[in-house]
Protein backbone atom coordinates (compact mmCIF):
# COMPACT_ATOMS: atom_id res chain seq x y z
CA UNK A 1 0.38 12.83 14.21
CA UNK A 2 1.55 16.35 13.38
CA UNK A 3 0.76 17.86 10.02
CA UNK A 4 -1.87 15.53 8.60
CA UNK A 5 -4.89 17.78 9.06
CA UNK A 6 -6.22 19.07 5.72
CA UNK A 7 -3.56 17.22 3.74
CA UNK A 8 -4.74 15.35 0.64
CA UNK A 9 -3.90 11.65 0.72
CA UNK A 10 -4.42 9.21 -2.14
CA UNK A 11 -4.88 5.64 -0.90
CA UNK A 12 -5.07 2.75 -3.35
CA UNK A 13 -6.60 -0.61 -2.54
CA UNK A 14 -8.90 1.34 -0.26
CA UNK A 15 -11.73 -1.21 -0.22
CA UNK A 16 -9.62 -4.04 1.22
CA UNK A 17 -8.98 -4.82 4.87
CA UNK A 18 -5.77 -2.83 5.28
CA UNK A 19 -7.05 -0.18 2.87
CA UNK A 20 -10.14 0.55 4.94
CA UNK A 21 -8.05 0.82 8.08
CA UNK A 22 -5.76 3.26 6.30
CA UNK A 23 -8.69 5.35 5.10
CA UNK A 24 -10.13 5.44 8.60
CA UNK A 25 -6.85 6.50 10.20
CA UNK A 26 -6.21 9.32 7.77
CA UNK A 27 -9.77 10.58 8.09
CA UNK A 28 -9.43 10.53 11.88
CA UNK A 29 -6.22 12.54 11.55
CA UNK A 30 -8.14 15.21 9.63
CA UNK A 31 -6.77 14.47 6.18
CA UNK A 32 -8.78 14.64 2.99
CA UNK A 33 -8.73 11.19 1.45
CA UNK A 34 -9.07 10.12 -2.17
CA UNK A 35 -9.87 6.41 -1.86
CA UNK A 36 -9.17 4.38 -5.00
CA UNK A 37 -10.01 0.77 -5.74
CA UNK A 38 -11.12 -1.48 -8.59
CA UNK A 39 -13.98 -2.72 -6.41
CA UNK A 40 -16.79 -0.19 -6.80
CA UNK A 41 -19.07 -2.03 -4.38
CA UNK A 42 -16.33 -1.85 -1.75
CA UNK A 43 -15.94 1.88 -2.34
CA UNK A 44 -19.68 2.34 -1.88
CA UNK A 45 -19.41 0.49 1.44
CA UNK A 46 -16.64 2.86 2.52
CA UNK A 47 -18.87 5.85 1.86
CA UNK A 48 -21.51 4.33 4.10
CA UNK A 49 -19.00 3.28 6.76
CA UNK A 50 -17.48 6.75 7.03
CA UNK A 51 -20.52 8.97 6.56
CA UNK A 52 -19.38 11.22 9.41
CA UNK A 53 -16.33 12.13 7.29
CA UNK A 54 -18.27 12.75 4.06
CA UNK A 55 -16.69 16.17 3.61
CA UNK A 56 -13.20 14.70 3.73
CA UNK A 57 -13.70 11.58 1.60
CA UNK A 58 -13.87 11.09 -2.14
CA UNK A 59 -13.82 7.74 -3.93
CA UNK A 60 -13.06 6.65 -7.47
CA UNK A 61 -12.95 3.30 -9.20
CA UNK A 62 -9.51 2.70 -10.72
CA UNK A 63 -7.64 -0.15 -12.37
CA UNK A 64 -4.06 0.58 -11.36
CA UNK A 65 -2.74 -1.65 -14.15
CA UNK A 66 -4.01 0.91 -16.70
CA UNK A 67 -1.31 3.58 -16.90
CA UNK A 68 -3.44 6.08 -18.82
CA UNK A 69 -6.37 5.65 -16.41
CA UNK A 70 -4.03 6.23 -13.47
CA UNK A 71 -2.71 9.45 -15.00
CA UNK A 72 -6.24 10.73 -15.64
CA UNK A 73 -7.41 9.82 -12.13
CA UNK A 74 -4.47 11.62 -10.50
CA UNK A 75 -5.00 14.69 -12.67
CA UNK A 76 -8.68 14.79 -11.67
CA UNK A 77 -7.87 14.45 -7.97
CA UNK A 78 -5.42 17.34 -8.24
CA UNK A 79 -7.90 19.45 -10.18
CA UNK A 80 -10.69 18.77 -7.68
CA UNK A 81 -8.73 18.98 -4.41
CA UNK A 82 -6.02 21.44 -5.58
CA UNK A 83 -3.14 19.48 -4.03
CA UNK A 84 -1.70 16.00 -3.50
CA UNK A 85 0.39 15.74 -0.35
CA UNK A 86 0.47 12.01 0.34
CA UNK A 87 0.37 8.83 -1.73
CA UNK A 88 -0.12 5.44 -0.11
CA UNK A 89 0.35 2.62 -2.61
CA UNK A 90 -1.55 -0.13 -0.85
CA UNK A 91 -3.27 -2.09 -3.64
CA UNK A 92 -1.95 -5.59 -4.17
CA UNK A 93 -2.88 -9.16 -5.06
CA UNK A 94 -1.43 -12.65 -4.81
CA UNK A 95 -2.28 -16.33 -5.00
CA UNK A 96 -0.44 -19.14 -3.19
CA UNK A 97 1.39 -21.42 -5.63
CA UNK A 98 4.83 -22.92 -5.80
CA UNK A 99 6.83 -21.27 -8.57
CA UNK A 100 7.01 -24.35 -10.83
CA UNK A 101 3.20 -24.47 -10.80
CA UNK A 102 2.82 -20.87 -12.00
CA UNK A 103 2.49 -19.66 -15.58
CA UNK A 104 3.73 -16.60 -17.47
CA UNK A 105 0.15 -15.28 -17.60
CA UNK A 106 0.03 -15.33 -13.79
CA UNK A 107 3.45 -13.64 -13.64
CA UNK A 108 2.17 -10.86 -15.87
CA UNK A 109 -0.90 -10.29 -13.69
CA UNK A 110 1.13 -10.23 -10.48
CA UNK A 111 3.69 -7.84 -11.95
CA UNK A 112 1.00 -5.56 -13.39
CA UNK A 113 -0.78 -5.20 -10.04
CA UNK A 114 2.06 -5.34 -7.51
CA UNK A 115 4.89 -3.61 -9.37
CA UNK A 116 3.77 -1.67 -12.43
CA UNK A 117 0.62 -0.33 -10.74
CA UNK A 118 2.51 1.44 -7.93
CA UNK A 119 5.05 2.69 -10.48
CA UNK A 120 2.24 4.26 -12.51
CA UNK A 121 0.83 6.00 -9.43
CA UNK A 122 4.21 7.45 -8.54
CA UNK A 123 4.90 8.41 -12.15
CA UNK A 124 1.69 10.45 -12.10
CA UNK A 125 1.94 11.89 -8.58
CA UNK A 126 5.61 12.83 -8.24
CA UNK A 127 5.51 15.78 -10.70
CA UNK A 128 2.68 17.36 -8.69
CA UNK A 129 4.63 16.89 -5.45
CA UNK A 130 7.81 18.33 -6.95
CA UNK A 131 5.90 21.35 -8.26
CA UNK A 132 4.34 21.87 -4.82
CA UNK A 133 7.68 21.72 -3.02
CA UNK A 134 7.39 18.27 -1.49
CA UNK A 135 5.24 15.37 -0.42
CA UNK A 136 5.18 11.96 1.21
CA UNK A 137 4.96 8.58 -0.48
CA UNK A 138 4.51 5.36 1.47
CA UNK A 139 4.70 2.16 -0.54
CA UNK A 140 3.15 -0.88 1.09
CA UNK A 141 5.46 -3.75 0.24
CA UNK A 142 5.74 -6.98 2.25
CA UNK A 143 8.21 -8.89 4.35
CA UNK A 144 7.97 -11.40 1.50
CA UNK A 145 10.02 -8.85 -0.45
CA UNK A 146 12.68 -8.72 2.27
CA UNK A 147 13.18 -12.38 3.14
CA UNK A 148 11.09 -14.36 0.62
CA UNK A 149 7.98 -16.42 1.28
CA UNK A 150 7.18 -19.94 0.12
CA UNK A 151 4.34 -19.94 -2.37
CA UNK A 152 4.79 -16.26 -3.17
CA UNK A 153 7.74 -16.25 -5.51
CA UNK A 154 6.65 -13.67 -8.08
CA UNK A 155 4.78 -11.58 -5.50
CA UNK A 156 7.98 -11.54 -3.42
CA UNK A 157 9.94 -10.44 -6.49
CA UNK A 158 7.50 -7.58 -7.07
CA UNK A 159 7.63 -6.42 -3.46
CA UNK A 160 11.42 -6.64 -3.44
CA UNK A 161 11.35 -4.50 -6.56
CA UNK A 162 9.12 -1.95 -4.82
CA UNK A 163 11.62 -1.73 -1.95
CA UNK A 164 14.56 -1.15 -4.31
CA UNK A 165 12.56 1.29 -6.43
CA UNK A 166 11.48 3.28 -3.37
CA UNK A 167 15.06 3.74 -2.22
CA UNK A 168 16.06 4.94 -5.67
CA UNK A 169 13.12 7.32 -6.00
CA UNK A 170 13.87 8.64 -2.51
CA UNK A 171 17.37 9.57 -3.70
CA UNK A 172 16.13 11.11 -6.94
CA UNK A 173 13.47 13.28 -5.30
CA UNK A 174 15.14 14.22 -2.01
CA UNK A 175 16.25 17.62 -3.32
CA UNK A 176 12.59 18.32 -4.12
CA UNK A 177 11.57 17.48 -0.55
CA UNK A 178 9.65 14.35 -1.59
CA UNK A 179 10.11 11.63 1.00
CA UNK A 180 9.60 8.00 -0.06
CA UNK A 181 9.41 5.19 2.48
CA UNK A 182 8.20 1.60 2.66
CA UNK A 183 6.04 -0.27 5.15
CA UNK A 184 6.26 -4.05 5.01
CA UNK A 185 3.37 -5.84 6.68
CA UNK A 186 4.03 -9.34 7.86
CA UNK A 187 1.29 -11.96 7.67
CA UNK A 188 -1.92 -9.98 8.17
CA UNK A 189 -5.34 -11.54 8.59
CA UNK A 190 -6.99 -10.13 5.47
CA UNK A 191 -9.13 -11.68 2.76
CA UNK A 192 -5.96 -12.08 0.68
CA UNK A 193 -4.22 -14.17 3.31
CA UNK A 194 -7.39 -16.10 4.08
CA UNK A 195 -7.72 -16.92 0.39
CA UNK A 196 -4.54 -18.97 0.68
CA UNK A 197 -6.48 -21.56 2.66
CA UNK A 198 -8.74 -22.00 -0.34
CA UNK A 199 -5.81 -23.29 -2.33
CA UNK A 200 -5.77 -26.70 -0.70
CA UNK A 201 -3.35 -28.30 1.71
CA UNK A 202 -0.34 -26.29 0.56
CA UNK A 203 -2.03 -22.96 1.22
CA UNK A 204 -3.29 -24.09 4.62
CA UNK A 205 0.23 -25.15 5.63
CA UNK A 206 1.54 -21.67 4.74
CA UNK A 207 -1.22 -20.02 6.78
CA UNK A 208 -0.67 -22.18 9.86
CA UNK A 209 3.12 -22.03 9.62
CA UNK A 210 3.19 -18.26 9.50
CA UNK A 211 1.04 -18.04 12.60
CA UNK A 212 3.39 -20.31 14.55
CA UNK A 213 6.49 -18.45 13.40
CA UNK A 214 5.50 -14.97 14.60
CA UNK A 215 7.15 -14.17 17.96
CA UNK A 216 4.08 -12.26 19.15
CA UNK A 217 2.08 -15.42 18.44
CA UNK A 218 -0.67 -13.90 16.35
CA UNK A 219 -1.33 -12.77 12.83
CA UNK A 220 -1.35 -9.06 12.17
CA UNK A 221 -4.69 -7.30 11.94
CA UNK A 222 -5.51 -4.58 9.39
CA UNK A 223 -5.58 -1.98 12.16
CA UNK A 224 -1.94 -2.80 13.03
CA UNK A 225 -0.69 -1.19 9.81
CA UNK A 226 -1.96 2.43 9.64
CA UNK A 227 0.06 3.76 12.59
CA UNK A 228 3.38 3.31 10.80
CA UNK A 229 1.94 4.67 7.55
CA UNK A 230 0.44 7.73 9.23
CA UNK A 231 3.73 8.41 11.01
CA UNK A 232 5.75 8.27 7.79
CA UNK A 233 3.20 10.57 6.15
CA UNK A 234 3.29 13.11 8.98
CA UNK A 235 5.53 16.04 9.85
CA UNK A 236 7.07 13.82 12.53
CA UNK A 237 8.84 11.97 9.69
CA UNK A 238 10.12 14.97 7.75
CA UNK A 239 13.73 13.80 8.07
CA UNK A 240 13.03 10.18 7.12
CA UNK A 241 13.32 8.93 3.55
CA UNK A 242 14.39 5.74 1.80
CA UNK A 243 13.59 3.59 4.84
CA UNK A 244 11.82 0.25 5.22
CA UNK A 245 9.79 -0.60 8.32
CA UNK A 246 8.43 -4.09 8.99
CA UNK A 247 5.14 -4.40 10.86
CA UNK A 248 5.29 -8.12 11.39
CA UNK A 249 5.04 -9.06 15.05
CA UNK A 250 8.77 -9.71 15.07
CA UNK A 251 8.68 -12.28 12.26
CA UNK A 252 11.50 -10.38 10.61
CA UNK A 253 13.99 -8.27 12.56
CA UNK A 254 16.31 -6.13 10.48
CA UNK A 255 19.19 -4.05 11.79
């Protein structure tokens, strides 16, 4: 991709399956990556996994539900690396339950991680991008936010909110050359999706049903996602903002 070399990219949820693939892709493209995650052990594994890119990679433990901690982390990244060119909001969490079986405490946790967390990152990063004359934000949502998904009611609501928010932020920041786009993975074979099978028969039915429904007849893999994200973060996408791309094996097809 054009224009990623030496750019500074913040990637949240970096220790997860998709997160690690994103970190790897941006490092391979020559970017400097600030990898953020709540899981310190996972961040330590990333350092070991990508030792050949040690000069390009920094890691920091971060709870994205803590607005003040997010602001401090972003300020430190900017102070240390002197710029923030790209933000990839990838961190997320869910549990498979029908809505009537959920509780307000679960709603609060899902909203804090999947909606308010990405908002906090963008609230902290956008002023730096505006001051620098532009930047790229890619929010990782979900096809659950476009068409709904049984057992993921509140998660779907959060991801739908991220899609709507991204379009609005794209309009508000376009004059400052900040481009905001969304990538929606379909069912992807990560620990999060696999955890659904631990929820009993209902979760297993969701897992198996999704697999059958995908036209390409397989679940997505973590390495299927970074190509679209890298493209939207590159100079090849300089005239693209406010758009939503599904990476779902054809499960959803939007005009």
